[in-house]
Amino acid sequence: MKTQPSFLPLSSSSVPFQPTATPSRQGQKLAQDLLHRLLQWLVGDNEPRIRLERDNSEQIYYQVYDPVTRERQRYLTEPEVRIWLEKRYY
């Protein structure tokens, strides 16, 4: 007489719960940043860009760019940059 191995039927309670993968906060932030950059590229950005830079002689200056007029300027002081920003609207 042959004995057959006994198998227990699987029930939902016998299988360990494995949650579906959810994006991490870092992944969500990355996706939001990519979407924001894509929208900026598609729509365009009319806001002026101001960067603090350093030239070859280690002089610090402000590099400003107006995307509407495509004008680039260099200024040595913050008040000069503020004057440039105010003149853009007149």
PDB file of N, CA and C in Angstrom:
ATOM      1  N   MET A   1       0.815  -1.147   0.000  1.00  0.00           N
ATOM      2  CA  MET A   1       0.000   0.000   0.000  1.00  0.00           C
ATOM      3  C   MET A   1       0.884   1.245   0.000  1.00  0.00           C
ATOM      4  N   LYS A   2       0.614   2.080  -0.971  1.00  0.00           N
ATOM      5  CA  LYS A   2       1.388   3.311  -1.116  1.00  0.00           C
ATOM      6  C   LYS A   2       0.716   4.421  -0.330  1.00  0.00           C
ATOM      7  N   THR A   3       1.544   5.176   0.342  1.00  0.00           N
ATOM      8  CA  THR A   3       0.990   6.341   1.038  1.00  0.00           C
ATOM      9  C   THR A   3       1.315   7.582   0.228  1.00  0.00           C
ATOM     10  N   GLN A   4       0.359   8.375   0.089  1.00  0.00           N
ATOM     11  CA  GLN A   4       0.556   9.619  -0.646  1.00  0.00           C
ATOM     12  C   GLN A   4       0.883  10.730   0.341  1.00  0.00           C
ATOM     13  N   PRO A   5       1.809  11.578  -0.072  1.00  0.00           N
ATOM     14  CA  PRO A   5       2.124  12.664   0.842  1.00  0.00           C
ATOM     15  C   PRO A   5       0.892  13.546   1.047  1.00  0.00           C
ATOM     16  N   SER A   6       0.758  14.033   2.205  1.00  0.00           N
ATOM     17  CA  SER A   6      -0.392  14.894   2.479  1.00  0.00           C
ATOM     18  C   SER A   6       0.013  16.347   2.260  1.00  0.00           C
ATOM     19  N   PHE A   7      -0.828  17.054   1.570  1.00  0.00           N
ATOM     20  CA  PHE A   7      -0.610  18.483   1.303  1.00  0.00           C
ATOM     21  C   PHE A   7      -1.731  19.254   1.966  1.00  0.00           C
ATOM     22  N   LEU A   8      -1.337  20.328   2.561  1.00  0.00           N
ATOM     23  CA  LEU A   8      -2.343  21.197   3.142  1.00  0.00           C
ATOM     24  C   LEU A   8      -2.744  22.241   2.109  1.00  0.00           C
ATOM     25  N   PRO A   9      -4.005  22.519   1.968  1.00  0.00           N
ATOM     26  CA  PRO A   9      -4.416  23.558   1.023  1.00  0.00           C
ATOM     27  C   PRO A   9      -3.911  24.918   1.498  1.00  0.00           C
ATOM     28  N   LEU A  10      -3.479  25.690   0.540  1.00  0.00           N
ATOM     29  CA  LEU A  10      -3.005  27.028   0.866  1.00  0.00           C
ATOM     30  C   LEU A  10      -4.196  27.943   1.101  1.00  0.00           C
ATOM     31  N   SER A  11      -4.123  28.672   2.138  1.00  0.00           N
ATOM     32  CA  SER A  11      -5.152  29.682   2.390  1.00  0.00           C
ATOM     33  C   SER A  11      -4.465  31.042   2.408  1.00  0.00           C
ATOM     34  N   SER A  12      -5.241  32.078   2.314  1.00  0.00           N
ATOM     35  CA  SER A  12      -4.659  33.412   2.291  1.00  0.00           C
ATOM     36  C   SER A  12      -3.929  33.725   3.589  1.00  0.00           C
ATOM     37  N   SER A  13      -4.307  33.076   4.665  1.00  0.00           N
ATOM     38  CA  SER A  13      -3.640  33.354   5.934  1.00  0.00           C
ATOM     39  C   SER A  13      -2.304  32.638   6.054  1.00  0.00           C
ATOM     40  N   SER A  14      -2.038  31.672   5.201  1.00  0.00           N
ATOM     41  CA  SER A  14      -0.770  30.955   5.310  1.00  0.00           C
ATOM     42  C   SER A  14       0.332  31.577   4.460  1.00  0.00           C
ATOM     43  N   VAL A  15      -0.014  32.512   3.587  1.00  0.00           N
ATOM     44  CA  VAL A  15       0.982  33.171   2.745  1.00  0.00           C
ATOM     45  C   VAL A  15       1.350  34.495   3.414  1.00  0.00           C
ATOM     46  N   PRO A  16       2.640  34.728   3.625  1.00  0.00           N
ATOM     47  CA  PRO A  16       3.021  35.990   4.272  1.00  0.00           C
ATOM     48  C   PRO A  16       2.628  37.185   3.411  1.00  0.00           C
ATOM     49  N   PHE A  17       2.223  38.244   4.065  1.00  0.00           N
ATOM     50  CA  PHE A  17       1.800  39.466   3.376  1.00  0.00           C
ATOM     51  C   PHE A  17       3.016  40.179   2.818  1.00  0.00           C
ATOM     52  N   GLN A  18       2.957  40.513   1.550  1.00  0.00           N
ATOM     53  CA  GLN A  18       4.031  41.256   0.907  1.00  0.00           C
ATOM     54  C   GLN A  18       3.429  42.521   0.317  1.00  0.00           C
ATOM     55  N   PRO A  19       3.657  43.656   0.968  1.00  0.00           N
ATOM     56  CA  PRO A  19       3.065  44.895   0.448  1.00  0.00           C
ATOM     57  C   PRO A  19       3.667  45.257  -0.901  1.00  0.00           C
ATOM     58  N   THR A  20       2.875  45.925  -1.691  1.00  0.00           N
ATOM     59  CA  THR A  20       3.385  46.384  -2.983  1.00  0.00           C
ATOM     60  C   THR A  20       4.388  47.486  -2.745  1.00  0.00           C
ATOM     61  N   ALA A  21       5.325  47.604  -3.629  1.00  0.00           N
ATOM     62  CA  ALA A  21       6.375  48.616  -3.477  1.00  0.00           C
ATOM     63  C   ALA A  21       5.780  50.004  -3.658  1.00  0.00           C
ATOM     64  N   THR A  22       6.099  50.890  -2.751  1.00  0.00           N
ATOM     65  CA  THR A  22       5.669  52.279  -2.876  1.00  0.00           C
ATOM     66  C   THR A  22       6.911  53.146  -3.024  1.00  0.00           C
ATOM     67  N   PRO A  23       6.806  54.198  -3.819  1.00  0.00           N
ATOM     68  CA  PRO A  23       7.994  55.040  -4.010  1.00  0.00           C
ATOM     69  C   PRO A  23       8.408  55.700  -2.702  1.00  0.00           C
ATOM     70  N   SER A  24       9.678  55.787  -2.503  1.00  0.00           N
ATOM     71  CA  SER A  24      10.191  56.452  -1.314  1.00  0.00           C
ATOM     72  C   SER A  24      10.006  57.954  -1.456  1.00  0.00           C
ATOM     73  N   ARG A  25      10.165  58.663  -0.370  1.00  0.00           N
ATOM     74  CA  ARG A  25      10.046  60.124  -0.441  1.00  0.00           C
ATOM     75  C   ARG A  25      11.100  60.704  -1.362  1.00  0.00           C
ATOM     76  N   GLN A  26      12.287  60.113  -1.321  1.00  0.00           N
ATOM     77  CA  GLN A  26      13.363  60.591  -2.195  1.00  0.00           C
ATOM     78  C   GLN A  26      12.989  60.363  -3.656  1.00  0.00           C
ATOM     79  N   GLY A  27      12.396  59.210  -3.946  1.00  0.00           N
ATOM     80  CA  GLY A  27      11.956  58.916  -5.312  1.00  0.00           C
ATOM     81  C   GLY A  27      10.844  59.846  -5.760  1.00  0.00           C
ATOM     82  N   GLN A  28       9.921  60.151  -4.840  1.00  0.00           N
ATOM     83  CA  GLN A  28       8.839  61.076  -5.167  1.00  0.00           C
ATOM     84  C   GLN A  28       9.397  62.470  -5.447  1.00  0.00           C
ATOM     85  N   LYS A  29      10.368  62.896  -4.631  1.00  0.00           N
ATOM     86  CA  LYS A  29      10.989  64.214  -4.819  1.00  0.00           C
ATOM     87  C   LYS A  29      11.695  64.283  -6.170  1.00  0.00           C
ATOM     88  N   LEU A  30      12.394  63.214  -6.512  1.00  0.00           N
ATOM     89  CA  LEU A  30      13.080  63.165  -7.797  1.00  0.00           C
ATOM     90  C   LEU A  30      12.087  63.259  -8.949  1.00  0.00           C
ATOM     91  N   ALA A  31      10.987  62.531  -8.842  1.00  0.00           N
ATOM     92  CA  ALA A  31       9.971  62.566  -9.894  1.00  0.00           C
ATOM     93  C   ALA A  31       9.355  63.963 -10.006  1.00  0.00           C
ATOM     94  N   GLN A  32       9.094  64.606  -8.870  1.00  0.00           N
ATOM     95  CA  GLN A  32       8.545  65.962  -8.895  1.00  0.00           C
ATOM     96  C   GLN A  32       9.529  66.940  -9.531  1.00  0.00           C
ATOM     97  N   ASP A  33      10.810  66.811  -9.182  1.00  0.00           N
ATOM     98  CA  ASP A  33      11.830  67.686  -9.762  1.00  0.00           C
ATOM     99  C   ASP A  33      11.926  67.502 -11.268  1.00  0.00           C
ATOM    100  N   LEU A  34      11.892  66.253 -11.717  1.00  0.00           N
ATOM    101  CA  LEU A  34      11.968  65.987 -13.161  1.00  0.00           C
ATOM    102  C   LEU A  34      10.757  66.562 -13.884  1.00  0.00           C
ATOM    103  N   LEU A  35       9.579  66.395 -13.294  1.00  0.00           N
ATOM    104  CA  LEU A  35       8.363  66.935 -13.900  1.00  0.00           C
ATOM    105  C   LEU A  35       8.428  68.459 -13.958  1.00  0.00           C
ATOM    106  N   HIS A  36       8.898  69.085 -12.878  1.00  0.00           N
ATOM    107  CA  HIS A  36       9.024  70.542 -12.843  1.00  0.00           C
ATOM    108  C   HIS A  36       9.974  71.032 -13.929  1.00  0.00           C
ATOM    109  N   ARG A  37      11.112  70.360 -14.075  1.00  0.00           N
ATOM    110  CA  ARG A  37      12.082  70.764 -15.108  1.00  0.00           C
ATOM    111  C   ARG A  37      11.520  70.574 -16.510  1.00  0.00           C
ATOM    112  N   LEU A  38      10.774  69.483 -16.704  1.00  0.00           N
ATOM    113  CA  LEU A  38      10.169  69.238 -18.007  1.00  0.00           C
ATOM    114  C   LEU A  38       9.158  70.334 -18.339  1.00  0.00           C
ATOM    115  N   LEU A  39       8.332  70.690 -17.369  1.00  0.00           N
ATOM    116  CA  LEU A  39       7.346  71.753 -17.606  1.00  0.00           C
ATOM    117  C   LEU A  39       8.021  73.089 -17.879  1.00  0.00           C
ATOM    118  N   GLN A  40       9.089  73.392 -17.147  1.00  0.00           N
ATOM    119  CA  GLN A  40       9.818  74.634 -17.402  1.00  0.00           C
ATOM    120  C   GLN A  40      10.387  74.641 -18.811  1.00  0.00           C
ATOM    121  N   TRP A  41      10.893  73.511 -19.249  1.00  0.00           N
ATOM    122  CA  TRP A  41      11.473  73.430 -20.588  1.00  0.00           C
ATOM    123  C   TRP A  41      10.392  73.593 -21.652  1.00  0.00           C
ATOM    124  N   LEU A  42       9.226  72.971 -21.444  1.00  0.00           N
ATOM    125  CA  LEU A  42       8.148  73.055 -22.422  1.00  0.00           C
ATOM    126  C   LEU A  42       7.504  74.439 -22.462  1.00  0.00           C
ATOM    127  N   VAL A  43       7.269  75.022 -21.304  1.00  0.00           N
ATOM    128  CA  VAL A  43       6.559  76.292 -21.221  1.00  0.00           C
ATOM    129  C   VAL A  43       7.504  77.472 -21.339  1.00  0.00           C
ATOM    130  N   GLY A  44       8.685  77.312 -20.838  1.00  0.00           N
ATOM    131  CA  GLY A  44       9.625  78.419 -20.817  1.00  0.00           C
ATOM    132  C   GLY A  44       9.533  79.145 -19.486  1.00  0.00           C
ATOM    133  N   ASP A  45      10.539  79.898 -19.198  1.00  0.00           N
ATOM    134  CA  ASP A  45      10.595  80.609 -17.935  1.00  0.00           C
ATOM    135  C   ASP A  45      11.019  82.041 -18.225  1.00  0.00           C
ATOM    136  N   ASN A  46      10.189  82.992 -17.829  1.00  0.00           N
ATOM    137  CA  ASN A  46      10.488  84.400 -18.079  1.00  0.00           C
ATOM    138  C   ASN A  46      11.165  85.081 -16.905  1.00  0.00           C
ATOM    139  N   GLU A  47      11.425  84.349 -15.850  1.00  0.00           N
ATOM    140  CA  GLU A  47      12.048  84.925 -14.670  1.00  0.00           C
ATOM    141  C   GLU A  47      13.537  85.165 -14.923  1.00  0.00           C
ATOM    142  N   PRO A  48      14.044  86.291 -14.433  1.00  0.00           N
ATOM    143  CA  PRO A  48      15.481  86.542 -14.595  1.00  0.00           C
ATOM    144  C   PRO A  48      16.301  85.544 -13.789  1.00  0.00           C
ATOM    145  N   ARG A  49      17.482  85.276 -14.270  1.00  0.00           N
ATOM    146  CA  ARG A  49      18.389  84.352 -13.581  1.00  0.00           C
ATOM    147  C   ARG A  49      19.589  85.139 -13.083  1.00  0.00           C
ATOM    148  N   ILE A  50      19.912  84.927 -11.825  1.00  0.00           N
ATOM    149  CA  ILE A  50      21.032  85.642 -11.204  1.00  0.00           C
ATOM    150  C   ILE A  50      21.935  84.621 -10.535  1.00  0.00           C
ATOM    151  N   ARG A  51      23.207  84.641 -10.908  1.00  0.00           N
ATOM    152  CA  ARG A  51      24.181  83.723 -10.315  1.00  0.00           C
ATOM    153  C   ARG A  51      25.354  84.518  -9.777  1.00  0.00           C
ATOM    154  N   LEU A  52      25.863  84.066  -8.662  1.00  0.00           N
ATOM    155  CA  LEU A  52      27.071  84.642  -8.091  1.00  0.00           C
ATOM    156  C   LEU A  52      28.236  83.813  -8.605  1.00  0.00           C
ATOM    157  N   GLU A  53      29.179  84.448  -9.269  1.00  0.00           N
ATOM    158  CA  GLU A  53      30.297  83.728  -9.875  1.00  0.00           C
ATOM    159  C   GLU A  53      31.614  84.370  -9.492  1.00  0.00           C
ATOM    160  N   ARG A  54      32.692  83.733  -9.933  1.00  0.00           N
ATOM    161  CA  ARG A  54      34.047  84.194  -9.637  1.00  0.00           C
ATOM    162  C   ARG A  54      34.849  84.124 -10.936  1.00  0.00           C
ATOM    163  N   ASP A  55      35.552  85.196 -11.260  1.00  0.00           N
ATOM    164  CA  ASP A  55      36.342  85.189 -12.489  1.00  0.00           C
ATOM    165  C   ASP A  55      37.743  84.619 -12.228  1.00  0.00           C
ATOM    166  N   ASN A  56      38.597  84.659 -13.248  1.00  0.00           N
ATOM    167  CA  ASN A  56      39.945  84.067 -13.141  1.00  0.00           C
ATOM    168  C   ASN A  56      40.807  84.721 -12.066  1.00  0.00           C
ATOM    169  N   SER A  57      40.560  85.994 -11.798  1.00  0.00           N
ATOM    170  CA  SER A  57      41.349  86.693 -10.776  1.00  0.00           C
ATOM    171  C   SER A  57      40.684  86.619  -9.399  1.00  0.00           C
ATOM    172  N   GLU A  58      39.707  85.697  -9.250  1.00  0.00           N
ATOM    173  CA  GLU A  58      39.001  85.469  -7.991  1.00  0.00           C
ATOM    174  C   GLU A  58      38.069  86.613  -7.595  1.00  0.00           C
ATOM    175  N   GLN A  59      37.765  87.509  -8.522  1.00  0.00           N
ATOM    176  CA  GLN A  59      36.814  88.598  -8.286  1.00  0.00           C
ATOM    177  C   GLN A  59      35.400  88.007  -8.318  1.00  0.00           C
ATOM    178  N   ILE A  60      34.611  88.301  -7.304  1.00  0.00           N
ATOM    179  CA  ILE A  60      33.226  87.817  -7.258  1.00  0.00           C
ATOM    180  C   ILE A  60      32.333  88.828  -7.971  1.00  0.00           C
ATOM    181  N   TYR A  61      31.409  88.320  -8.778  1.00  0.00           N
ATOM    182  CA  TYR A  61      30.475  89.186  -9.492  1.00  0.00           C
ATOM    183  C   TYR A  61      29.142  88.481  -9.655  1.00  0.00           C
ATOM    184  N   TYR A  62      28.119  89.240 -10.021  1.00  0.00           N
ATOM    185  CA  TYR A  62      26.790  88.702 -10.299  1.00  0.00           C
ATOM    186  C   TYR A  62      26.619  88.592 -11.806  1.00  0.00           C
ATOM    187  N   GLN A  63      26.266  87.420 -12.266  1.00  0.00           N
ATOM    188  CA  GLN A  63      25.933  87.200 -13.679  1.00  0.00           C
ATOM    189  C   GLN A  63      24.417  87.187 -13.763  1.00  0.00           C
ATOM    190  N   VAL A  64      23.834  88.121 -14.521  1.00  0.00           N
ATOM    191  CA  VAL A  64      22.379  88.192 -14.635  1.00  0.00           C
ATOM    192  C   VAL A  64      21.976  87.907 -16.080  1.00  0.00           C
ATOM    193  N   TYR A  65      20.801  87.298 -16.222  1.00  0.00           N
ATOM    194  CA  TYR A  65      20.296  86.957 -17.554  1.00  0.00           C
ATOM    195  C   TYR A  65      18.794  87.191 -17.579  1.00  0.00           C
ATOM    196  N   ASP A  66      18.343  87.887 -18.605  1.00  0.00           N
ATOM    197  CA  ASP A  66      16.918  88.119 -18.822  1.00  0.00           C
ATOM    198  C   ASP A  66      16.483  87.265 -20.017  1.00  0.00           C
ATOM    199  N   PRO A  67      15.701  86.192 -19.795  1.00  0.00           N
ATOM    200  CA  PRO A  67      15.304  85.325 -20.909  1.00  0.00           C
ATOM    201  C   PRO A  67      14.358  85.983 -21.903  1.00  0.00           C
ATOM    202  N   VAL A  68      13.678  87.042 -21.505  1.00  0.00           N
ATOM    203  CA  VAL A  68      12.765  87.735 -22.423  1.00  0.00           C
ATOM    204  C   VAL A  68      13.560  88.487 -23.479  1.00  0.00           C
ATOM    205  N   THR A  69      14.562  89.258 -23.053  1.00  0.00           N
ATOM    206  CA  THR A  69      15.366  90.051 -23.978  1.00  0.00           C
ATOM    207  C   THR A  69      16.675  89.353 -24.369  1.00  0.00           C
ATOM    208  N   ARG A  70      16.972  88.264 -23.689  1.00  0.00           N
ATOM    209  CA  ARG A  70      18.224  87.507 -23.873  1.00  0.00           C
ATOM    210  C   ARG A  70      19.455  88.355 -23.550  1.00  0.00           C
ATOM    211  N   GLU A  71      19.267  89.289 -22.651  1.00  0.00           N
ATOM    212  CA  GLU A  71      20.349  90.173 -22.234  1.00  0.00           C
ATOM    213  C   GLU A  71      21.134  89.537 -21.089  1.00  0.00           C
ATOM    214  N   ARG A  72      22.459  89.625 -21.169  1.00  0.00           N
ATOM    215  CA  ARG A  72      23.360  89.165 -20.105  1.00  0.00           C
ATOM    216  C   ARG A  72      24.182  90.348 -19.639  1.00  0.00           C
ATOM    217  N   GLN A  73      24.338  90.426 -18.323  1.00  0.00           N
ATOM    218  CA  GLN A  73      25.130  91.508 -17.739  1.00  0.00           C
ATOM    219  C   GLN A  73      25.915  90.961 -16.564  1.00  0.00           C
ATOM    220  N   ARG A  74      26.967  91.690 -16.207  1.00  0.00           N
ATOM    221  CA  ARG A  74      27.748  91.401 -15.004  1.00  0.00           C
ATOM    222  C   ARG A  74      27.720  92.623 -14.107  1.00  0.00           C
ATOM    223  N   TYR A  75      27.511  92.371 -12.818  1.00  0.00           N
ATOM    224  CA  TYR A  75      27.518  93.453 -11.838  1.00  0.00           C
ATOM    225  C   TYR A  75      28.368  93.027 -10.651  1.00  0.00           C
ATOM    226  N   LEU A  76      29.018  94.009 -10.037  1.00  0.00           N
ATOM    227  CA  LEU A  76      29.889  93.720  -8.901  1.00  0.00           C
ATOM    228  C   LEU A  76      29.176  93.802  -7.562  1.00  0.00           C
ATOM    229  N   THR A  77      28.058  94.523  -7.511  1.00  0.00           N
ATOM    230  CA  THR A  77      27.374  94.690  -6.233  1.00  0.00           C
ATOM    231  C   THR A  77      25.898  94.308  -6.331  1.00  0.00           C
ATOM    232  N   GLU A  78      25.336  93.947  -5.198  1.00  0.00           N
ATOM    233  CA  GLU A  78      23.918  93.602  -5.144  1.00  0.00           C
ATOM    234  C   GLU A  78      23.022  94.793  -5.472  1.00  0.00           C
ATOM    235  N   PRO A  79      23.326  96.009  -5.008  1.00  0.00           N
ATOM    236  CA  PRO A  79      22.482  97.157  -5.389  1.00  0.00           C
ATOM    237  C   PRO A  79      22.421  97.372  -6.906  1.00  0.00           C
ATOM    238  N   GLU A  80      23.510  97.108  -7.603  1.00  0.00           N
ATOM    239  CA  GLU A  80      23.497  97.230  -9.072  1.00  0.00           C
ATOM    240  C   GLU A  80      22.526  96.215  -9.681  1.00  0.00           C
ATOM    241  N   VAL A  81      22.512  95.024  -9.124  1.00  0.00           N
ATOM    242  CA  VAL A  81      21.595  93.987  -9.618  1.00  0.00           C
ATOM    243  C   VAL A  81      20.153  94.400  -9.348  1.00  0.00           C
ATOM    244  N   ARG A  82      19.890  94.945  -8.187  1.00  0.00           N
ATOM    245  CA  ARG A  82      18.534  95.402  -7.854  1.00  0.00           C
ATOM    246  C   ARG A  82      18.057  96.498  -8.807  1.00  0.00           C
ATOM    247  N   ILE A  83      18.948  97.416  -9.144  1.00  0.00           N
ATOM    248  CA  ILE A  83      18.602  98.477 -10.107  1.00  0.00           C
ATOM    249  C   ILE A  83      18.269  97.860 -11.467  1.00  0.00           C
ATOM    250  N   TRP A  84      19.071  96.898 -11.905  1.00  0.00           N
ATOM    251  CA  TRP A  84      18.814  96.218 -13.177  1.00  0.00           C
ATOM    252  C   TRP A  84      17.448  95.541 -13.152  1.00  0.00           C
ATOM    253  N   LEU A  85      17.137  94.865 -12.040  1.00  0.00           N
ATOM    254  CA  LEU A  85      15.846  94.183 -11.930  1.00  0.00           C
ATOM    255  C   LEU A  85      14.682  95.182 -12.007  1.00  0.00           C
ATOM    256  N   GLU A  86      14.815  96.314 -11.325  1.00  0.00           N
ATOM    257  CA  GLU A  86      13.757  97.312 -11.350  1.00  0.00           C
ATOM    258  C   GLU A  86      13.578  97.934 -12.734  1.00  0.00           C
ATOM    259  N   LYS A  87      14.647  98.131 -13.457  1.00  0.00           N
ATOM    260  CA  LYS A  87      14.566  98.733 -14.795  1.00  0.00           C
ATOM    261  C   LYS A  87      13.939  97.793 -15.829  1.00  0.00           C
ATOM    262  N   ARG A  88      13.940  96.511 -15.557  1.00  0.00           N
ATOM    263  CA  ARG A  88      13.350  95.557 -16.500  1.00  0.00           C
ATOM    264  C   ARG A  88      11.880  95.828 -16.738  1.00  0.00           C
ATOM    265  N   TYR A  89      11.196  96.389 -15.765  1.00  0.00           N
ATOM    266  CA  TYR A  89       9.732  96.552 -15.854  1.00  0.00           C
ATOM    267  C   TYR A  89       9.319  97.949 -16.301  1.00  0.00           C
ATOM    268  N   TYR A  90      10.272  98.796 -16.671  1.00  0.00           N
ATOM    269  CA  TYR A  90       9.932 100.152 -17.109  1.00  0.00           C
ATOM    270  C   TYR A  90      10.342 100.396 -18.526  1.00  0.00           C
TER     271      TYR A  90
END
